[in-house]
Amino acid sequence: MGRTEVKDLLRRGWSWLLRWRARLSSRPNGLV
């Protein structure tokens, strides 16, 4: 796996963690 593929994989993992962190937050936030 090349450097670009590794970087893309890490960013996908980071985005997944951020999404679940936002969902598990107790803040009652929505987005427009």
All heavy atoms as atom14 arrays in JSON, in Angstrom:
{
  "sequence": "MGRTEVKDLLRRGWSWLLRWRARLSSRPNGLV",
  "atom14_mask": [
    [1, 1, 1, 1, 1, 1, 1, 1, 0, 0, 0, 0, 0, 0],
    [1, 1, 1, 1, 0, 0, 0, 0, 0, 0, 0, 0, 0, 0],
    [1, 1, 1, 1, 1, 1, 1, 1, 1, 1, 1, 0, 0, 0],
    [1, 1, 1, 1, 1, 1, 1, 0, 0, 0, 0, 0, 0, 0],
    [1, 1, 1, 1, 1, 1, 1, 1, 1, 0, 0, 0, 0, 0],
    [1, 1, 1, 1, 1, 1, 1, 0, 0, 0, 0, 0, 0, 0],
    [1, 1, 1, 1, 1, 1, 1, 1, 1, 0, 0, 0, 0, 0],
    [1, 1, 1, 1, 1, 1, 1, 1, 0, 0, 0, 0, 0, 0],
    [1, 1, 1, 1, 1, 1, 1, 1, 0, 0, 0, 0, 0, 0],
    [1, 1, 1, 1, 1, 1, 1, 1, 0, 0, 0, 0, 0, 0],
    [1, 1, 1, 1, 1, 1, 1, 1, 1, 1, 1, 0, 0, 0],
    [1, 1, 1, 1, 1, 1, 1, 1, 1, 1, 1, 0, 0, 0],
    [1, 1, 1, 1, 0, 0, 0, 0, 0, 0, 0, 0, 0, 0],
    [1, 1, 1, 1, 1, 1, 1, 1, 1, 1, 1, 1, 1, 1],
    [1, 1, 1, 1, 1, 1, 0, 0, 0, 0, 0, 0, 0, 0],
    [1, 1, 1, 1, 1, 1, 1, 1, 1, 1, 1, 1, 1, 1],
    [1, 1, 1, 1, 1, 1, 1, 1, 0, 0, 0, 0, 0, 0],
    [1, 1, 1, 1, 1, 1, 1, 1, 0, 0, 0, 0, 0, 0],
    [1, 1, 1, 1, 1, 1, 1, 1, 1, 1, 1, 0, 0, 0],
    [1, 1, 1, 1, 1, 1, 1, 1, 1, 1, 1, 1, 1, 1],
    [1, 1, 1, 1, 1, 1, 1, 1, 1, 1, 1, 0, 0, 0],
    [1, 1, 1, 1, 1, 0, 0, 0, 0, 0, 0, 0, 0, 0],
    [1, 1, 1, 1, 1, 1, 1, 1, 1, 1, 1, 0, 0, 0],
    [1, 1, 1, 1, 1, 1, 1, 1, 0, 0, 0, 0, 0, 0],
    [1, 1, 1, 1, 1, 1, 0, 0, 0, 0, 0, 0, 0, 0],
    [1, 1, 1, 1, 1, 1, 0, 0, 0, 0, 0, 0, 0, 0],
    [1, 1, 1, 1, 1, 1, 1, 1, 1, 1, 1, 0, 0, 0],
    [1, 1, 1, 1, 1, 1, 1, 0, 0, 0, 0, 0, 0, 0],
    [1, 1, 1, 1, 1, 1, 1, 1, 0, 0, 0, 0, 0, 0],
    [1, 1, 1, 1, 0, 0, 0, 0, 0, 0, 0, 0, 0, 0],
    [1, 1, 1, 1, 1, 1, 1, 1, 0, 0, 0, 0, 0, 0],
    [1, 1, 1, 1, 1, 1, 1, 0, 0, 0, 0, 0, 0, 0]
  ],
  "atom14_positions": [
    [[0.85, -1.2, 0.0], [0.0, 0.0, 0.0], [0.89, 1.25, 0.0], [1.81, 1.37, 0.8], [-0.91, -0.01, 1.22], [-1.89, 1.16, 1.27], [-2.98, 1.1, 2.72], [-3.94, -0.37, 2.38], [0.0, 0.0, 0.0], [0.0, 0.0, 0.0], [0.0, 0.0, 0.0], [0.0, 0.0, 0.0], [0.0, 0.0, 0.0], [0.0, 0.0, 0.0]],
    [[0.64, 2.17, -0.94], [1.44, 3.37, -1.05], [1.09, 4.42, -0.01], [0.11, 4.3, 0.73], [0.0, 0.0, 0.0], [0.0, 0.0, 0.0], [0.0, 0.0, 0.0], [0.0, 0.0, 0.0], [0.0, 0.0, 0.0], [0.0, 0.0, 0.0], [0.0, 0.0, 0.0], [0.0, 0.0, 0.0], [0.0, 0.0, 0.0], [0.0, 0.0, 0.0]],
    [[1.91, 5.48, 0.01], [1.71, 6.53, 1.01], [0.35, 7.21, 0.83], [-0.33, 7.52, 1.81], [2.83, 7.55, 0.89], [2.72, 8.7, 1.88], [3.9, 9.64, 1.75], [5.14, 8.96, 2.09], [6.34, 9.56, 2.05], [6.43, 10.82, 1.66], [7.42, 8.88, 2.38], [0.0, 0.0, 0.0], [0.0, 0.0, 0.0], [0.0, 0.0, 0.0]],
    [[-0.05, 7.42, -0.41], [-1.34, 8.08, -0.66], [-2.5, 7.23, -0.14], [-3.43, 7.75, 0.5], [-1.53, 8.34, -2.16], [-0.47, 9.19, -2.62], [-2.86, 9.02, -2.43], [0.0, 0.0, 0.0], [0.0, 0.0, 0.0], [0.0, 0.0, 0.0], [0.0, 0.0, 0.0], [0.0, 0.0, 0.0], [0.0, 0.0, 0.0], [0.0, 0.0, 0.0]],
    [[-2.43, 5.92, -0.39], [-3.49, 5.03, 0.07], [-3.56, 5.0, 1.59], [-4.66, 4.98, 2.17], [-3.28, 3.62, -0.48], [-3.54, 3.47, -1.96], [-2.36, 3.91, -2.82], [-1.32, 4.3, -2.25], [-2.49, 3.88, -4.04], [0.0, 0.0, 0.0], [0.0, 0.0, 0.0], [0.0, 0.0, 0.0], [0.0, 0.0, 0.0], [0.0, 0.0, 0.0]],
    [[-2.39, 4.99, 2.23], [-2.37, 4.99, 3.7], [-2.97, 6.28, 4.24], [-3.76, 6.26, 5.2], [-0.92, 4.8, 4.21], [-0.86, 5.04, 5.72], [-0.41, 3.42, 3.87], [0.0, 0.0, 0.0], [0.0, 0.0, 0.0], [0.0, 0.0, 0.0], [0.0, 0.0, 0.0], [0.0, 0.0, 0.0], [0.0, 0.0, 0.0], [0.0, 0.0, 0.0]],
    [[-2.61, 7.39, 3.62], [-3.14, 8.69, 4.06], [-4.66, 8.73, 3.91], [-5.38, 9.2, 4.81], [-2.5, 9.81, 3.26], [-2.9, 11.21, 3.7], [-2.18, 12.27, 2.89], [-2.6, 13.67, 3.33], [-1.89, 14.71, 2.53], [0.0, 0.0, 0.0], [0.0, 0.0, 0.0], [0.0, 0.0, 0.0], [0.0, 0.0, 0.0], [0.0, 0.0, 0.0]],
    [[-5.16, 8.22, 2.78], [-6.61, 8.2, 2.56], [-7.3, 7.31, 3.59], [-8.38, 7.67, 4.11], [-6.92, 7.7, 1.15], [-6.58, 8.7, 0.07], [-6.37, 9.88, 0.43], [-6.5, 8.31, -1.11], [0.0, 0.0, 0.0], [0.0, 0.0, 0.0], [0.0, 0.0, 0.0], [0.0, 0.0, 0.0], [0.0, 0.0, 0.0], [0.0, 0.0, 0.0]],
    [[-6.69, 6.17, 3.9], [-7.28, 5.26, 4.88], [-7.35, 5.91, 6.26], [-8.36, 5.79, 6.97], [-6.48, 3.97, 4.94], [-7.02, 2.86, 5.85], [-8.41, 2.43, 5.38], [-6.07, 1.67, 5.87], [0.0, 0.0, 0.0], [0.0, 0.0, 0.0], [0.0, 0.0, 0.0], [0.0, 0.0, 0.0], [0.0, 0.0, 0.0], [0.0, 0.0, 0.0]],
    [[-6.28, 6.62, 6.63], [-6.26, 7.28, 7.93], [-7.31, 8.39, 8.0], [-7.97, 8.57, 9.03], [-4.87, 7.86, 8.19], [-3.76, 6.82, 8.47], [-2.4, 7.52, 8.55], [-4.04, 6.05, 9.76], [0.0, 0.0, 0.0], [0.0, 0.0, 0.0], [0.0, 0.0, 0.0], [0.0, 0.0, 0.0], [0.0, 0.0, 0.0], [0.0, 0.0, 0.0]],
    [[-7.49, 9.12, 6.9], [-8.49, 10.18, 6.89], [-9.9, 9.6, 6.99], [-10.76, 10.17, 7.66], [-8.37, 11.04, 5.62], [-7.18, 12.0, 5.67], [-7.09, 12.84, 4.4], [-8.29, 13.65, 4.21], [-8.55, 14.78, 4.86], [-7.71, 15.23, 5.76], [-9.66, 15.46, 4.61], [0.0, 0.0, 0.0], [0.0, 0.0, 0.0], [0.0, 0.0, 0.0]],
    [[-10.13, 8.47, 6.34], [-11.43, 7.83, 6.45], [-11.7, 7.39, 7.89], [-12.81, 7.54, 8.41], [-11.51, 6.63, 5.51], [-11.61, 7.01, 4.05], [-11.66, 5.79, 3.15], [-11.68, 6.15, 1.75], [-12.77, 6.49, 1.07], [-13.94, 6.49, 1.69], [-12.69, 6.83, -0.19], [0.0, 0.0, 0.0], [0.0, 0.0, 0.0], [0.0, 0.0, 0.0]],
    [[-10.67, 6.84, 8.51], [-10.82, 6.43, 9.9], [-11.07, 7.62, 10.81], [-11.91, 7.56, 11.73], [0.0, 0.0, 0.0], [0.0, 0.0, 0.0], [0.0, 0.0, 0.0], [0.0, 0.0, 0.0], [0.0, 0.0, 0.0], [0.0, 0.0, 0.0], [0.0, 0.0, 0.0], [0.0, 0.0, 0.0], [0.0, 0.0, 0.0], [0.0, 0.0, 0.0]],
    [[-10.36, 8.72, 10.56], [-10.54, 9.94, 11.35], [-11.96, 10.49, 11.17], [-12.6, 10.9, 12.14], [-9.49, 10.96, 10.94], [-9.56, 12.28, 11.63], [-9.7, 13.5, 11.05], [-9.47, 12.54, 13.04], [-9.71, 14.49, 11.98], [-9.57, 13.93, 13.22], [-9.33, 11.71, 14.16], [-9.54, 14.52, 14.48], [-9.29, 12.31, 15.41], [-9.39, 13.69, 15.56]],
    [[-12.45, 10.48, 9.95], [-13.81, 10.99, 9.7], [-14.84, 10.12, 10.42], [-15.83, 10.63, 10.96], [-14.1, 11.05, 8.2], [-14.24, 9.75, 7.64], [0.0, 0.0, 0.0], [0.0, 0.0, 0.0], [0.0, 0.0, 0.0], [0.0, 0.0, 0.0], [0.0, 0.0, 0.0], [0.0, 0.0, 0.0], [0.0, 0.0, 0.0], [0.0, 0.0, 0.0]],
    [[-14.62, 8.8, 10.43], [-15.53, 7.89, 11.11], [-15.54, 8.18, 12.61], [-16.61, 8.24, 13.24], [-15.09, 6.45, 10.86], [-15.99, 5.4, 11.43], [-17.07, 4.83, 10.82], [-15.89, 4.8, 12.72], [-17.67, 3.91, 11.65], [-16.95, 3.86, 12.83], [-15.03, 4.95, 13.79], [-17.16, 3.1, 13.96], [-15.23, 4.18, 14.94], [-16.27, 3.26, 15.01]],
    [[-14.36, 8.37, 13.21], [-14.28, 8.67, 14.64], [-14.96, 10.0, 14.97], [-15.67, 10.11, 15.98], [-12.81, 8.71, 15.08], [-12.1, 7.36, 15.16], [-10.61, 7.58, 15.41], [-12.7, 6.49, 16.25], [0.0, 0.0, 0.0], [0.0, 0.0, 0.0], [0.0, 0.0, 0.0], [0.0, 0.0, 0.0], [0.0, 0.0, 0.0], [0.0, 0.0, 0.0]],
    [[-14.75, 11.02, 14.12], [-15.38, 12.32, 14.37], [-16.89, 12.22, 14.29], [-17.61, 12.83, 15.09], [-14.85, 13.35, 13.37], [-13.45, 13.89, 13.6], [-13.05, 14.82, 12.46], [-13.35, 14.63, 14.93], [0.0, 0.0, 0.0], [0.0, 0.0, 0.0], [0.0, 0.0, 0.0], [0.0, 0.0, 0.0], [0.0, 0.0, 0.0], [0.0, 0.0, 0.0]],
    [[-17.38, 11.46, 13.31], [-18.83, 11.33, 13.17], [-19.44, 10.69, 14.4], [-20.46, 11.17, 14.92], [-19.17, 10.51, 11.92], [-20.67, 10.34, 11.74], [-21.01, 9.66, 10.43], [-20.64, 8.27, 10.41], [-19.74, 7.73, 9.6], [-19.08, 8.5, 8.75], [-19.48, 6.44, 9.64], [0.0, 0.0, 0.0], [0.0, 0.0, 0.0], [0.0, 0.0, 0.0]],
    [[-18.83, 9.63, 14.91], [-19.39, 8.98, 16.08], [-19.17, 9.79, 17.35], [-20.0, 9.75, 18.27], [-18.81, 7.57, 16.21], [-19.55, 6.64, 15.31], [-19.16, 6.18, 14.09], [-20.86, 6.12, 15.54], [-20.14, 5.4, 13.54], [-21.2, 5.34, 14.41], [-21.78, 6.22, 16.58], [-22.41, 4.67, 14.29], [-22.99, 5.56, 16.46], [-23.3, 4.8, 15.34]],
    [[-18.08, 10.53, 17.39], [-17.91, 11.42, 18.54], [-19.02, 12.45, 18.58], [-19.56, 12.77, 19.65], [-16.55, 12.12, 18.45], [-16.27, 13.06, 19.62], [-14.96, 13.79, 19.4], [-14.76, 14.8, 20.44], [-13.81, 15.73, 20.39], [-12.98, 15.78, 19.36], [-13.69, 16.61, 21.36], [0.0, 0.0, 0.0], [0.0, 0.0, 0.0], [0.0, 0.0, 0.0]],
    [[-19.38, 13.0, 17.4], [-20.48, 13.97, 17.34], [-21.81, 13.33, 17.74], [-22.6, 13.9, 18.49], [-20.57, 14.57, 15.94], [0.0, 0.0, 0.0], [0.0, 0.0, 0.0], [0.0, 0.0, 0.0], [0.0, 0.0, 0.0], [0.0, 0.0, 0.0], [0.0, 0.0, 0.0], [0.0, 0.0, 0.0], [0.0, 0.0, 0.0], [0.0, 0.0, 0.0]],
    [[-22.06, 12.1, 17.27], [-23.33, 11.44, 17.58], [-23.44, 11.08, 19.05], [-24.53, 11.12, 19.63], [-23.49, 10.19, 16.72], [-23.92, 10.51, 15.29], [-24.15, 9.27, 14.48], [-25.21, 8.43, 15.01], [-25.8, 7.45, 14.33], [-25.44, 7.23, 13.06], [-26.74, 6.71, 14.87], [0.0, 0.0, 0.0], [0.0, 0.0, 0.0], [0.0, 0.0, 0.0]],
    [[-22.3, 10.74, 19.67], [-22.32, 10.34, 21.08], [-22.28, 11.54, 22.02], [-22.39, 11.38, 23.23], [-21.15, 9.41, 21.37], [-21.25, 8.03, 20.71], [-19.96, 7.25, 20.91], [-22.46, 7.26, 21.24], [0.0, 0.0, 0.0], [0.0, 0.0, 0.0], [0.0, 0.0, 0.0], [0.0, 0.0, 0.0], [0.0, 0.0, 0.0], [0.0, 0.0, 0.0]],
    [[-22.13, 12.72, 21.45], [-22.14, 13.92, 22.28], [-23.55, 14.15, 22.83], [-24.56, 13.84, 22.18], [-21.7, 15.13, 21.46], [-21.92, 16.33, 22.18], [0.0, 0.0, 0.0], [0.0, 0.0, 0.0], [0.0, 0.0, 0.0], [0.0, 0.0, 0.0], [0.0, 0.0, 0.0], [0.0, 0.0, 0.0], [0.0, 0.0, 0.0], [0.0, 0.0, 0.0]],
    [[-23.61, 14.7, 24.02], [-24.91, 15.02, 24.61], [-25.45, 16.36, 24.12], [-26.56, 16.75, 24.48], [-24.8, 15.04, 26.14], [-23.84, 15.99, 26.56], [0.0, 0.0, 0.0], [0.0, 0.0, 0.0], [0.0, 0.0, 0.0], [0.0, 0.0, 0.0], [0.0, 0.0, 0.0], [0.0, 0.0, 0.0], [0.0, 0.0, 0.0], [0.0, 0.0, 0.0]],
    [[-24.65, 17.07, 23.33], [-25.11, 18.35, 22.81], [-26.26, 18.14, 21.83], [-26.13, 17.38, 20.86], [-23.98, 19.08, 22.09], [-22.8, 19.45, 22.97], [-21.73, 20.11, 22.13], [-20.56, 20.46, 22.92], [-19.45, 21.0, 22.41], [-19.37, 21.23, 21.11], [-18.42, 21.28, 23.19], [0.0, 0.0, 0.0], [0.0, 0.0, 0.0], [0.0, 0.0, 0.0]],
    [[-27.38, 18.79, 22.01], [-28.51, 18.65, 21.08], [-28.34, 19.59, 19.88], [-29.02, 20.59, 19.74], [-29.72, 19.04, 21.93], [-29.17, 20.03, 22.91], [-27.74, 19.61, 23.18], [0.0, 0.0, 0.0], [0.0, 0.0, 0.0], [0.0, 0.0, 0.0], [0.0, 0.0, 0.0], [0.0, 0.0, 0.0], [0.0, 0.0, 0.0], [0.0, 0.0, 0.0]],
    [[-27.39, 19.26, 19.0], [-27.09, 20.12, 17.87], [-27.61, 19.52, 16.56], [-27.6, 18.3, 16.38], [-25.58, 20.32, 17.73], [-25.01, 21.19, 18.83], [-25.76, 21.83, 19.58], [-23.7, 21.23, 18.95], [0.0, 0.0, 0.0], [0.0, 0.0, 0.0], [0.0, 0.0, 0.0], [0.0, 0.0, 0.0], [0.0, 0.0, 0.0], [0.0, 0.0, 0.0]],
    [[-28.05, 20.39, 15.66], [-28.37, 20.03, 14.3], [-27.56, 20.89, 13.36], [-26.86, 21.82, 13.78], [0.0, 0.0, 0.0], [0.0, 0.0, 0.0], [0.0, 0.0, 0.0], [0.0, 0.0, 0.0], [0.0, 0.0, 0.0], [0.0, 0.0, 0.0], [0.0, 0.0, 0.0], [0.0, 0.0, 0.0], [0.0, 0.0, 0.0], [0.0, 0.0, 0.0]],
    [[-27.64, 20.6, 12.07], [-26.87, 21.34, 11.07], [-27.76, 21.73, 9.89], [-28.71, 21.02, 9.56], [-25.7, 20.5, 10.54], [-24.56, 20.18, 11.51], [-23.61, 19.17, 10.89], [-23.82, 21.45, 11.9], [0.0, 0.0, 0.0], [0.0, 0.0, 0.0], [0.0, 0.0, 0.0], [0.0, 0.0, 0.0], [0.0, 0.0, 0.0], [0.0, 0.0, 0.0]],
    [[-27.43, 22.87, 9.29], [-28.06, 23.29, 8.04], [-26.96, 23.53, 7.02], [-26.01, 24.27, 7.29], [-28.91, 24.56, 8.22], [-29.59, 24.94, 6.91], [-29.94, 24.37, 9.32], [0.0, 0.0, 0.0], [0.0, 0.0, 0.0], [0.0, 0.0, 0.0], [0.0, 0.0, 0.0], [0.0, 0.0, 0.0], [0.0, 0.0, 0.0], [0.0, 0.0, 0.0]]
  ]
}
